[in-house]
Amino acid sequence: MLLGPTFCDAESCRGFVESAMASHRADGAVAEIDGRMCGFLIGERLLFAPEDFAAIYAEPRSISVPLHCHGVDEGVDAAEVYEALYAFLSRRWIEEGFFVHNVSISWLDRPVIDAWVQLGFGRKSVCALRSTAPLEPPPGRLEGLFIDEVRGHDDDVLEMFHQRLMTFQTGSPMFWPYNGEPDAKVRAIRVDALSSGQGVAFVARRGGQPIGSMLFVPAVFLSPLLVCERMMYLWEGYMESDSRSGGVGTVLLDHALSLLRKRGIQWCSLHFVSGNPRGGPFWQSRGFVPVEATMRRQVDERVAWARGLER
């Protein structure tokens, strides 16, 4: 089962919901039918600075609705309930100048995804999981390829590949913005993970030259409803352009998961950009199964002043 143990545990979910609603930046609403609660929605205002770590993955001054911050009852029209909840809360967000809205949804809940598509949302990123158990058949060996483990210290190669990955994702059709401002925070988090022993990276080299890397850290970058015991998160994976489609990524991933499995890690999680023409197909071909979609809508900011003609 590719879902965390808390996903279907009402008491655990209750704690996450209460914590989210306790934030002074959050707004929440419930929907009722004939006096019976049939749905809820909680959105949090994100107000971090452009150089903060979070700015890589979420837009400064945006609204975030995590996986545990919304739901509808069985037997009701999901589209109707979500439309009512979103219409009620988004009016306030727009009045305050929050025009970018993100909501995370279980991949297994197609009616809910369809409901948000109907409200103008499109897929931004995907969270996927897989077991560290080997796939069959295993990848073959590549002549001249060597893989080094990086643990206990940071490596300038990882910084270089981070910047190249971020730059690659600015291209078409992804258009994921990157200006380097959060790099210092990113490196500080990576250094902490590697120096503490909680993180590990693997660098692939050919002829002594680095051609790709994969960085694994504790599973803190995904919904608590999806976290399993003995799980690692594949934070960044990158291959040089002339080494793609040649099997290097497959061999590097298999090598990394094999070592993690020997160290007791049973699950691996990651996110990929929906518009990445290489990322999604590669990860899914290597056994990763989508479990969550983050949907995004950017409201036309002209609506702040263009609200019809006074007659």
C-alpha atoms as a PDB file:
ATOM      1  CA  MET A   1       0.000   0.000   0.000  1.00  0.00           C
ATOM      2  CA  LEU A   2       1.659   3.219  -1.191  1.00  0.00           C
ATOM      3  CA  LEU A   3       0.054   5.412   1.472  1.00  0.00           C
ATOM      4  CA  GLY A   4       1.326   6.387   4.896  1.00  0.00           C
ATOM      5  CA  PRO A   5      -0.224   4.673   7.940  1.00  0.00           C
ATOM      6  CA  THR A   6      -1.930   7.915   8.990  1.00  0.00           C
ATOM      7  CA  PHE A   7      -3.790   8.361   5.690  1.00  0.00           C
ATOM      8  CA  CYS A   8      -6.850   6.422   6.882  1.00  0.00           C
ATOM      9  CA  ASP A   9      -6.382   7.090  10.603  1.00  0.00           C
ATOM     10  CA  ALA A  10      -9.001   9.679  11.556  1.00  0.00           C
ATOM     11  CA  GLU A  11      -7.389  10.556  14.882  1.00  0.00           C
ATOM     12  CA  SER A  12      -3.993  11.245  13.333  1.00  0.00           C
ATOM     13  CA  CYS A  13      -5.597  13.306  10.573  1.00  0.00           C
ATOM     14  CA  ARG A  14      -7.510  15.274  13.207  1.00  0.00           C
ATOM     15  CA  GLY A  15      -4.225  16.392  14.751  1.00  0.00           C
ATOM     16  CA  PHE A  16      -2.885  17.595  11.403  1.00  0.00           C
ATOM     17  CA  VAL A  17      -6.097  19.503  10.669  1.00  0.00           C
ATOM     18  CA  GLU A  18      -6.149  21.156  14.089  1.00  0.00           C
ATOM     19  CA  SER A  19      -2.517  22.188  13.735  1.00  0.00           C
ATOM     20  CA  ALA A  20      -3.163  23.701  10.301  1.00  0.00           C
ATOM     21  CA  MET A  21      -6.189  25.631  11.500  1.00  0.00           C
ATOM     22  CA  ALA A  22      -4.244  26.997  14.479  1.00  0.00           C
ATOM     23  CA  SER A  23      -1.992  29.027  12.160  1.00  0.00           C
ATOM     24  CA  HIS A  24      -2.780  32.734  12.166  1.00  0.00           C
ATOM     25  CA  ARG A  25      -2.220  32.709   8.396  1.00  0.00           C
ATOM     26  CA  ALA A  26      -4.925  30.099   7.740  1.00  0.00           C
ATOM     27  CA  ASP A  27      -8.550  30.429   6.680  1.00  0.00           C
ATOM     28  CA  GLY A  28     -10.991  27.537   6.932  1.00  0.00           C
ATOM     29  CA  ALA A  29     -14.565  26.788   6.017  1.00  0.00           C
ATOM     30  CA  VAL A  30     -16.971  23.853   6.303  1.00  0.00           C
ATOM     31  CA  ALA A  31     -19.872  22.932   4.051  1.00  0.00           C
ATOM     32  CA  GLU A  32     -23.163  21.518   5.319  1.00  0.00           C
ATOM     33  CA  ILE A  33     -26.141  19.801   3.733  1.00  0.00           C
ATOM     34  CA  ASP A  34     -29.312  19.762   5.849  1.00  0.00           C
ATOM     35  CA  GLY A  35     -27.270  20.607   8.937  1.00  0.00           C
ATOM     36  CA  ARG A  36     -24.740  17.817   8.376  1.00  0.00           C
ATOM     37  CA  MET A  37     -21.100  18.622   7.639  1.00  0.00           C
ATOM     38  CA  CYS A  38     -20.139  17.322   4.198  1.00  0.00           C
ATOM     39  CA  GLY A  39     -16.798  18.963   3.487  1.00  0.00           C
ATOM     40  CA  PHE A  40     -14.059  21.314   4.665  1.00  0.00           C
ATOM     41  CA  LEU A  41     -11.237  23.390   3.204  1.00  0.00           C
ATOM     42  CA  ILE A  42      -8.268  25.137   4.871  1.00  0.00           C
ATOM     43  CA  GLY A  43      -5.862  27.395   3.010  1.00  0.00           C
ATOM     44  CA  GLU A  44      -2.714  28.988   4.402  1.00  0.00           C
ATOM     45  CA  ARG A  45      -1.123  32.218   3.220  1.00  0.00           C
ATOM     46  CA  LEU A  46       2.552  31.715   2.311  1.00  0.00           C
ATOM     47  CA  LEU A  47       4.515  34.862   3.096  1.00  0.00           C
ATOM     48  CA  PHE A  48       8.172  33.796   2.931  1.00  0.00           C
ATOM     49  CA  ALA A  49      10.926  35.893   1.357  1.00  0.00           C
ATOM     50  CA  PRO A  50      12.201  35.173  -2.201  1.00  0.00           C
ATOM     51  CA  GLU A  51      15.550  33.936  -0.841  1.00  0.00           C
ATOM     52  CA  ASP A  52      13.920  31.448   1.536  1.00  0.00           C
ATOM     53  CA  PHE A  53      14.250  27.736   0.818  1.00  0.00           C
ATOM     54  CA  ALA A  54      10.509  27.369   0.214  1.00  0.00           C
ATOM     55  CA  ALA A  55      10.638  29.830  -2.699  1.00  0.00           C
ATOM     56  CA  ILE A  56      12.064  27.063  -4.904  1.00  0.00           C
ATOM     57  CA  TYR A  57       8.865  25.042  -4.721  1.00  0.00           C
ATOM     58  CA  ALA A  58       6.082  27.495  -3.868  1.00  0.00           C
ATOM     59  CA  GLU A  59       5.316  31.014  -4.937  1.00  0.00           C
ATOM     60  CA  PRO A  60       5.902  33.782  -2.373  1.00  0.00           C
ATOM     61  CA  ARG A  61       2.559  35.334  -1.431  1.00  0.00           C
ATOM     62  CA  SER A  62       0.433  32.392  -2.466  1.00  0.00           C
ATOM     63  CA  ILE A  63      -2.195  30.110  -0.915  1.00  0.00           C
ATOM     64  CA  SER A  64      -1.394  26.500  -0.017  1.00  0.00           C
ATOM     65  CA  VAL A  65      -3.990  23.790   0.669  1.00  0.00           C
ATOM     66  CA  PRO A  66      -2.088  20.636   1.758  1.00  0.00           C
ATOM     67  CA  LEU A  67      -3.418  17.118   1.332  1.00  0.00           C
ATOM     68  CA  HIS A  68      -4.719  16.971   4.912  1.00  0.00           C
ATOM     69  CA  CYS A  69      -6.474  20.352   4.689  1.00  0.00           C
ATOM     70  CA  HIS A  70      -9.514  19.444   2.610  1.00  0.00           C
ATOM     71  CA  GLY A  71     -12.042  16.669   2.156  1.00  0.00           C
ATOM     72  CA  VAL A  72     -15.621  15.829   1.233  1.00  0.00           C
ATOM     73  CA  ASP A  73     -17.974  13.208   2.592  1.00  0.00           C
ATOM     74  CA  GLU A  74     -18.844  10.040   0.698  1.00  0.00           C
ATOM     75  CA  GLY A  75     -22.001  10.206  -1.334  1.00  0.00           C
ATOM     76  CA  VAL A  76     -21.899  13.929  -2.062  1.00  0.00           C
ATOM     77  CA  ASP A  77     -21.081  15.718  -5.289  1.00  0.00           C
ATOM     78  CA  ALA A  78     -17.381  16.581  -4.831  1.00  0.00           C
ATOM     79  CA  ALA A  79     -17.463  19.217  -7.555  1.00  0.00           C
ATOM     80  CA  GLU A  80     -20.438  20.990  -5.991  1.00  0.00           C
ATOM     81  CA  VAL A  81     -19.007  20.987  -2.457  1.00  0.00           C
ATOM     82  CA  TYR A  82     -15.515  22.095  -3.473  1.00  0.00           C
ATOM     83  CA  GLU A  83     -16.947  24.818  -5.699  1.00  0.00           C
ATOM     84  CA  ALA A  84     -18.886  26.241  -2.755  1.00  0.00           C
ATOM     85  CA  LEU A  85     -15.937  26.055  -0.365  1.00  0.00           C
ATOM     86  CA  TYR A  86     -13.415  27.504  -2.808  1.00  0.00           C
ATOM     87  CA  ALA A  87     -15.778  30.289  -3.898  1.00  0.00           C
ATOM     88  CA  PHE A  88     -16.290  31.295  -0.264  1.00  0.00           C
ATOM     89  CA  LEU A  89     -12.590  31.375   0.705  1.00  0.00           C
ATOM     90  CA  SER A  90     -10.997  32.515  -2.554  1.00  0.00           C
ATOM     91  CA  ARG A  91     -13.022  35.731  -2.516  1.00  0.00           C
ATOM     92  CA  ARG A  92     -11.144  36.731   0.628  1.00  0.00           C
ATOM     93  CA  TRP A  93      -7.776  35.661  -0.760  1.00  0.00           C
ATOM     94  CA  ILE A  94      -8.223  37.703  -3.923  1.00  0.00           C
ATOM     95  CA  GLU A  95      -9.265  40.761  -1.931  1.00  0.00           C
ATOM     96  CA  GLU A  96      -5.966  40.457  -0.018  1.00  0.00           C
ATOM     97  CA  GLY A  97      -3.875  40.101  -3.180  1.00  0.00           C
ATOM     98  CA  PHE A  98      -3.237  36.331  -3.145  1.00  0.00           C
ATOM     99  CA  PHE A  99      -3.678  35.354  -6.783  1.00  0.00           C
ATOM    100  CA  VAL A 100      -1.747  32.020  -6.835  1.00  0.00           C
ATOM    101  CA  HIS A 101      -3.542  29.054  -5.245  1.00  0.00           C
ATOM    102  CA  ASN A 102      -2.138  25.524  -4.806  1.00  0.00           C
ATOM    103  CA  VAL A 103      -3.998  22.444  -3.583  1.00  0.00           C
ATOM    104  CA  SER A 104      -2.590  18.925  -3.066  1.00  0.00           C
ATOM    105  CA  ILE A 105      -4.871  15.987  -3.883  1.00  0.00           C
ATOM    106  CA  SER A 106      -4.643  12.212  -3.575  1.00  0.00           C
ATOM    107  CA  TRP A 107      -3.813  10.684  -6.955  1.00  0.00           C
ATOM    108  CA  LEU A 108      -6.316   7.927  -6.184  1.00  0.00           C
ATOM    109  CA  ASP A 109      -9.223  10.368  -5.879  1.00  0.00           C
ATOM    110  CA  ARG A 110     -10.041  11.155  -9.500  1.00  0.00           C
ATOM    111  CA  PRO A 111     -13.428  12.838  -8.792  1.00  0.00           C
ATOM    112  CA  VAL A 112     -11.666  15.326  -6.495  1.00  0.00           C
ATOM    113  CA  ILE A 113      -8.965  16.026  -9.086  1.00  0.00           C
ATOM    114  CA  ASP A 114     -11.682  16.550 -11.685  1.00  0.00           C
ATOM    115  CA  ALA A 115     -13.495  18.907  -9.322  1.00  0.00           C
ATOM    116  CA  TRP A 116     -10.452  21.154  -9.033  1.00  0.00           C
ATOM    117  CA  VAL A 117      -9.773  21.012 -12.777  1.00  0.00           C
ATOM    118  CA  GLN A 118     -13.319  22.286 -13.223  1.00  0.00           C
ATOM    119  CA  LEU A 119     -12.369  25.212 -10.982  1.00  0.00           C
ATOM    120  CA  GLY A 120      -9.492  26.194 -13.257  1.00  0.00           C
ATOM    121  CA  PHE A 121      -6.603  24.281 -11.651  1.00  0.00           C
ATOM    122  CA  GLY A 122      -3.874  22.459 -13.564  1.00  0.00           C
ATOM    123  CA  ARG A 123      -1.288  19.939 -12.411  1.00  0.00           C
ATOM    124  CA  LYS A 124       1.942  21.497 -11.110  1.00  0.00           C
ATOM    125  CA  SER A 125       3.891  18.607  -9.576  1.00  0.00           C
ATOM    126  CA  VAL A 126       3.494  14.960  -8.635  1.00  0.00           C
ATOM    127  CA  CYS A 127       4.609  13.024  -5.555  1.00  0.00           C
ATOM    128  CA  ALA A 128       5.510   9.396  -6.273  1.00  0.00           C
ATOM    129  CA  LEU A 129       6.646   6.448  -4.149  1.00  0.00           C
ATOM    130  CA  ARG A 130       8.226   3.061  -4.671  1.00  0.00           C
ATOM    131  CA  SER A 131       9.691   0.232  -2.659  1.00  0.00           C
ATOM    132  CA  THR A 132      13.461  -0.049  -2.564  1.00  0.00           C
ATOM    133  CA  ALA A 133      13.090  -3.697  -3.623  1.00  0.00           C
ATOM    134  CA  PRO A 134      14.874  -4.337  -6.942  1.00  0.00           C
ATOM    135  CA  LEU A 135      12.960  -4.298 -10.192  1.00  0.00           C
ATOM    136  CA  GLU A 136      13.173  -7.122 -12.670  1.00  0.00           C
ATOM    137  CA  PRO A 137      15.173  -7.370 -14.765  1.00  0.00           C
ATOM    138  CA  PRO A 138      17.985  -5.478 -13.019  1.00  0.00           C
ATOM    139  CA  PRO A 139      19.896  -2.938 -15.118  1.00  0.00           C
ATOM    140  CA  GLY A 140      23.119  -4.063 -16.691  1.00  0.00           C
ATOM    141  CA  ARG A 141      26.527  -2.636 -15.865  1.00  0.00           C
ATOM    142  CA  LEU A 142      27.936   0.264 -17.879  1.00  0.00           C
ATOM    143  CA  GLU A 143      31.580   0.147 -18.870  1.00  0.00           C
ATOM    144  CA  GLY A 144      33.686   2.879 -17.301  1.00  0.00           C
ATOM    145  CA  LEU A 145      30.973   4.103 -14.917  1.00  0.00           C
ATOM    146  CA  PHE A 146      31.947   4.585 -11.277  1.00  0.00           C
ATOM    147  CA  ILE A 147      29.641   5.641  -8.443  1.00  0.00           C
ATOM    148  CA  ASP A 148      30.911   7.418  -5.327  1.00  0.00           C
ATOM    149  CA  GLU A 149      28.976   7.827  -2.083  1.00  0.00           C
ATOM    150  CA  VAL A 150      28.905  11.254  -0.442  1.00  0.00           C
ATOM    151  CA  ARG A 151      28.112  11.130   3.251  1.00  0.00           C
ATOM    152  CA  GLY A 152      29.265  13.115   6.259  1.00  0.00           C
ATOM    153  CA  HIS A 153      30.229  16.180   4.208  1.00  0.00           C
ATOM    154  CA  ASP A 154      28.980  18.365   1.397  1.00  0.00           C
ATOM    155  CA  ASP A 155      30.381  18.170  -2.114  1.00  0.00           C
ATOM    156  CA  ASP A 156      30.833  20.997  -4.629  1.00  0.00           C
ATOM    157  CA  VAL A 157      29.603  18.613  -7.330  1.00  0.00           C
ATOM    158  CA  LEU A 158      26.191  18.491  -5.634  1.00  0.00           C
ATOM    159  CA  GLU A 159      26.020  22.285  -5.636  1.00  0.00           C
ATOM    160  CA  MET A 160      26.925  22.372  -9.318  1.00  0.00           C
ATOM    161  CA  PHE A 161      24.286  19.787 -10.208  1.00  0.00           C
ATOM    162  CA  HIS A 162      21.676  21.581  -8.073  1.00  0.00           C
ATOM    163  CA  GLN A 163      22.206  24.741 -10.108  1.00  0.00           C
ATOM    164  CA  ARG A 164      22.143  22.846 -13.399  1.00  0.00           C
ATOM    165  CA  LEU A 165      18.946  21.022 -12.426  1.00  0.00           C
ATOM    166  CA  MET A 166      17.235  24.268 -11.462  1.00  0.00           C
ATOM    167  CA  THR A 167      18.418  25.907 -14.698  1.00  0.00           C
ATOM    168  CA  PHE A 168      17.204  22.941 -16.769  1.00  0.00           C
ATOM    169  CA  GLN A 169      13.732  23.281 -15.247  1.00  0.00           C
ATOM    170  CA  THR A 170      13.457  26.900 -16.378  1.00  0.00           C
ATOM    171  CA  GLY A 171      13.292  25.642 -19.943  1.00  0.00           C
ATOM    172  CA  SER A 172      10.298  24.755 -22.098  1.00  0.00           C
ATOM    173  CA  PRO A 173       7.781  23.356 -21.341  1.00  0.00           C
ATOM    174  CA  MET A 174       8.464  23.453 -17.583  1.00  0.00           C
ATOM    175  CA  PHE A 175       9.188  27.172 -17.092  1.00  0.00           C
ATOM    176  CA  TRP A 176       9.997  26.684 -13.389  1.00  0.00           C
ATOM    177  CA  PRO A 177      11.609  29.987 -12.263  1.00  0.00           C
ATOM    178  CA  TYR A 178      15.127  30.029 -10.823  1.00  0.00           C
ATOM    179  CA  ASN A 179      17.395  32.962 -10.040  1.00  0.00           C
ATOM    180  CA  GLY A 180      19.757  31.465  -7.469  1.00  0.00           C
ATOM    181  CA  GLU A 181      18.491  33.526  -4.539  1.00  0.00           C
ATOM    182  CA  PRO A 182      17.581  30.511  -2.325  1.00  0.00           C
ATOM    183  CA  ASP A 183      20.824  28.612  -3.106  1.00  0.00           C
ATOM    184  CA  ALA A 184      22.491  29.499   0.199  1.00  0.00           C
ATOM    185  CA  LYS A 185      19.528  28.100   2.158  1.00  0.00           C
ATOM    186  CA  VAL A 186      19.431  25.011  -0.046  1.00  0.00           C
ATOM    187  CA  ARG A 187      23.109  24.315   0.558  1.00  0.00           C
ATOM    188  CA  ALA A 188      22.748  24.857   4.316  1.00  0.00           C
ATOM    189  CA  ILE A 189      19.977  22.234   4.467  1.00  0.00           C
ATOM    190  CA  ARG A 190      21.974  19.825   2.309  1.00  0.00           C
ATOM    191  CA  VAL A 191      25.110  20.308   4.421  1.00  0.00           C
ATOM    192  CA  ASP A 192      23.140  19.670   7.595  1.00  0.00           C
ATOM    193  CA  ALA A 193      21.585  16.483   6.183  1.00  0.00           C
ATOM    194  CA  LEU A 194      24.882  15.082   4.909  1.00  0.00           C
ATOM    195  CA  SER A 195      27.043  16.077   7.888  1.00  0.00           C
ATOM    196  CA  SER A 196      24.526  14.658  10.380  1.00  0.00           C
ATOM    197  CA  GLY A 197      24.459  11.331   8.565  1.00  0.00           C
ATOM    198  CA  GLN A 198      20.726  11.602   7.896  1.00  0.00           C
ATOM    199  CA  GLY A 199      21.299  12.263   4.215  1.00  0.00           C
ATOM    200  CA  VAL A 200      23.367  10.527   1.575  1.00  0.00           C
ATOM    201  CA  ALA A 201      24.273  11.296  -2.024  1.00  0.00           C
ATOM    202  CA  PHE A 202      25.678   9.290  -4.905  1.00  0.00           C
ATOM    203  CA  VAL A 203      27.739  10.753  -7.749  1.00  0.00           C
ATOM    204  CA  ALA A 204      28.225   8.940 -11.046  1.00  0.00           C
ATOM    205  CA  ARG A 205      31.560   9.520 -12.802  1.00  0.00           C
ATOM    206  CA  ARG A 206      32.997   8.516 -16.128  1.00  0.00           C
ATOM    207  CA  GLY A 207      36.633   9.122 -16.924  1.00  0.00           C
ATOM    208  CA  GLY A 208      36.916  10.882 -13.581  1.00  0.00           C
ATOM    209  CA  GLN A 209      34.299  13.452 -14.552  1.00  0.00           C
ATOM    210  CA  PRO A 210      30.969  13.725 -12.679  1.00  0.00           C
ATOM    211  CA  ILE A 211      28.013  13.111 -14.987  1.00  0.00           C
ATOM    212  CA  GLY A 212      25.110  12.755 -12.556  1.00  0.00           C
ATOM    213  CA  SER A 213      24.044  12.592  -8.940  1.00  0.00           C
ATOM    214  CA  MET A 214      21.173  11.664  -6.632  1.00  0.00           C
ATOM    215  CA  LEU A 215      20.646  13.176  -3.183  1.00  0.00           C
ATOM    216  CA  PHE A 216      18.555  11.411  -0.520  1.00  0.00           C
ATOM    217  CA  VAL A 217      17.329  13.021   2.711  1.00  0.00           C
ATOM    218  CA  PRO A 218      14.714  12.157   5.362  1.00  0.00           C
ATOM    219  CA  ALA A 219      11.133  12.264   4.073  1.00  0.00           C
ATOM    220  CA  VAL A 220      10.281  15.743   5.322  1.00  0.00           C
ATOM    221  CA  PHE A 221       9.256  17.276   2.002  1.00  0.00           C
ATOM    222  CA  LEU A 222       5.974  15.457   1.524  1.00  0.00           C
ATOM    223  CA  SER A 223       2.604  15.287   3.223  1.00  0.00           C
ATOM    224  CA  PRO A 224       2.611  13.581   6.643  1.00  0.00           C
ATOM    225  CA  LEU A 225      -0.248  11.458   5.303  1.00  0.00           C
ATOM    226  CA  LEU A 226       2.169   9.842   2.854  1.00  0.00           C
ATOM    227  CA  VAL A 227       5.200   9.247   5.059  1.00  0.00           C
ATOM    228  CA  CYS A 228       5.969   5.589   5.757  1.00  0.00           C
ATOM    229  CA  GLU A 229       8.430   4.171   8.249  1.00  0.00           C
ATOM    230  CA  ARG A 230      11.965   3.587   6.969  1.00  0.00           C
ATOM    231  CA  MET A 231      11.501   5.992   4.063  1.00  0.00           C
ATOM    232  CA  MET A 232      13.984   8.312   2.337  1.00  0.00           C
ATOM    233  CA  TYR A 233      13.213  11.168  -0.013  1.00  0.00           C
ATOM    234  CA  LEU A 234      15.048  11.570  -3.310  1.00  0.00           C
ATOM    235  CA  TRP A 235      15.432  15.322  -3.160  1.00  0.00           C
ATOM    236  CA  GLU A 236      17.410  15.974  -6.345  1.00  0.00           C
ATOM    237  CA  GLY A 237      18.466  13.785  -9.231  1.00  0.00           C
ATOM    238  CA  TYR A 238      20.360  15.119 -12.232  1.00  0.00           C
ATOM    239  CA  MET A 239      22.109  13.765 -15.315  1.00  0.00           C
ATOM    240  CA  GLU A 240      24.275  15.755 -17.697  1.00  0.00           C
ATOM    241  CA  SER A 241      22.522  16.192 -21.041  1.00  0.00           C
ATOM    242  CA  ASP A 242      24.972  14.012 -22.990  1.00  0.00           C
ATOM    243  CA  SER A 243      24.515  11.164 -20.460  1.00  0.00           C
ATOM    244  CA  ARG A 244      20.732  10.989 -20.577  1.00  0.00           C
ATOM    245  CA  SER A 245      18.883   8.108 -22.241  1.00  0.00           C
ATOM    246  CA  GLY A 246      22.005   5.959 -21.986  1.00  0.00           C
ATOM    247  CA  GLY A 247      21.138   4.008 -18.869  1.00  0.00           C
ATOM    248  CA  VAL A 248      23.280   5.985 -16.411  1.00  0.00           C
ATOM    249  CA  GLY A 249      20.273   7.214 -14.429  1.00  0.00           C
ATOM    250  CA  THR A 250      18.854   3.713 -14.165  1.00  0.00           C
ATOM    251  CA  VAL A 251      22.145   2.237 -12.948  1.00  0.00           C
ATOM    252  CA  LEU A 252      22.706   5.089 -10.489  1.00  0.00           C
ATOM    253  CA  LEU A 253      19.186   4.760  -9.045  1.00  0.00           C
ATOM    254  CA  ASP A 254      19.468   0.982  -8.746  1.00  0.00           C
ATOM    255  CA  HIS A 255      22.856   1.292  -7.017  1.00  0.00           C
ATOM    256  CA  ALA A 256      21.555   3.909  -4.568  1.00  0.00           C
ATOM    257  CA  LEU A 257      18.374   2.020  -3.675  1.00  0.00           C
ATOM    258  CA  SER A 258      20.315  -1.212  -3.262  1.00  0.00           C
ATOM    259  CA  LEU A 259      22.586   0.373  -0.654  1.00  0.00           C
ATOM    260  CA  LEU A 260      19.675   2.096   1.081  1.00  0.00           C
ATOM    261  CA  ARG A 261      17.809  -1.209   1.209  1.00  0.00           C
ATOM    262  CA  LYS A 262      20.800  -2.879   2.890  1.00  0.00           C
ATOM    263  CA  ARG A 263      20.670  -0.105   5.503  1.00  0.00           C
ATOM    264  CA  GLY A 264      17.034  -0.837   6.315  1.00  0.00           C
ATOM    265  CA  ILE A 265      15.296   1.722   4.090  1.00  0.00           C
ATOM    266  CA  GLN A 266      12.143   0.197   2.586  1.00  0.00           C
ATOM    267  CA  TRP A 267      10.563   3.143   0.751  1.00  0.00           C
ATOM    268  CA  CYS A 268      11.691   5.978  -1.466  1.00  0.00           C
ATOM    269  CA  SER A 269       9.642   9.079  -2.291  1.00  0.00           C
ATOM    270  CA  LEU A 270      10.153  12.030  -4.626  1.00  0.00           C
ATOM    271  CA  HIS A 271       8.426  14.852  -6.499  1.00  0.00           C
ATOM    272  CA  PHE A 272       8.709  15.625 -10.189  1.00  0.00           C
ATOM    273  CA  VAL A 273       7.565  18.655 -12.161  1.00  0.00           C
ATOM    274  CA  SER A 274       4.479  17.803 -14.196  1.00  0.00           C
ATOM    275  CA  GLY A 275       5.769  19.602 -17.273  1.00  0.00           C
ATOM    276  CA  ASN A 276       9.152  17.840 -17.231  1.00  0.00           C
ATOM    277  CA  PRO A 277       9.165  15.756 -20.435  1.00  0.00           C
ATOM    278  CA  ARG A 278      11.922  13.502 -19.093  1.00  0.00           C
ATOM    279  CA  GLY A 279      11.430  13.365 -15.322  1.00  0.00           C
ATOM    280  CA  GLY A 280       7.928  11.915 -15.038  1.00  0.00           C
ATOM    281  CA  PRO A 281       8.345   9.168 -17.656  1.00  0.00           C
ATOM    282  CA  PHE A 282      11.753   8.161 -16.260  1.00  0.00           C
ATOM    283  CA  TRP A 283      10.707   7.878 -12.612  1.00  0.00           C
ATOM    284  CA  GLN A 284       7.525   5.983 -13.450  1.00  0.00           C
ATOM    285  CA  SER A 285       9.451   3.597 -15.710  1.00  0.00           C
ATOM    286  CA  ARG A 286      11.628   2.816 -12.694  1.00  0.00           C
ATOM    287  CA  GLY A 287       8.750   1.778 -10.458  1.00  0.00           C
ATOM    288  CA  PHE A 288       7.649   5.067  -8.891  1.00  0.00           C
ATOM    289  CA  VAL A 289       3.860   5.275  -8.533  1.00  0.00           C
ATOM    290  CA  PRO A 290       2.093   8.671  -8.306  1.00  0.00           C
ATOM    291  CA  VAL A 291       0.234   9.163  -5.015  1.00  0.00           C
ATOM    292  CA  GLU A 292      -0.394  12.915  -4.889  1.00  0.00           C
ATOM    293  CA  ALA A 293      -0.866  15.749  -7.368  1.00  0.00           C
ATOM    294  CA  THR A 294      -0.342  19.408  -6.528  1.00  0.00           C
ATOM    295  CA  MET A 295      -2.747  21.506  -8.573  1.00  0.00           C
ATOM    296  CA  ARG A 296      -2.202  25.208  -9.258  1.00  0.00           C
ATOM    297  CA  ARG A 297      -4.313  28.126 -10.384  1.00  0.00           C
ATOM    298  CA  GLN A 298      -3.134  31.671 -11.027  1.00  0.00           C
ATOM    299  CA  VAL A 299      -6.013  34.108 -11.084  1.00  0.00           C
ATOM    300  CA  ASP A 300      -5.668  36.949 -13.598  1.00  0.00           C
ATOM    301  CA  GLU A 301      -4.518  39.862 -11.441  1.00  0.00           C
ATOM    302  CA  ARG A 302      -6.508  42.329 -13.528  1.00  0.00           C
ATOM    303  CA  VAL A 303      -9.572  41.184 -11.640  1.00  0.00           C
ATOM    304  CA  ALA A 304      -8.310  43.337  -8.771  1.00  0.00           C
ATOM    305  CA  TRP A 305      -9.491  46.389 -10.691  1.00  0.00           C
ATOM    306  CA  ALA A 306     -11.273  45.115 -13.822  1.00  0.00           C
ATOM    307  CA  ARG A 307     -14.646  44.235 -12.324  1.00  0.00           C
ATOM    308  CA  GLY A 308     -17.115  45.352 -14.902  1.00  0.00           C
ATOM    309  CA  LEU A 309     -18.405  48.672 -16.093  1.00  0.00           C
ATOM    310  CA  GLU A 310     -20.395  51.018 -13.933  1.00  0.00           C
ATOM    311  CA  ARG A 311     -23.448  52.223 -15.808  1.00  0.00           C
END
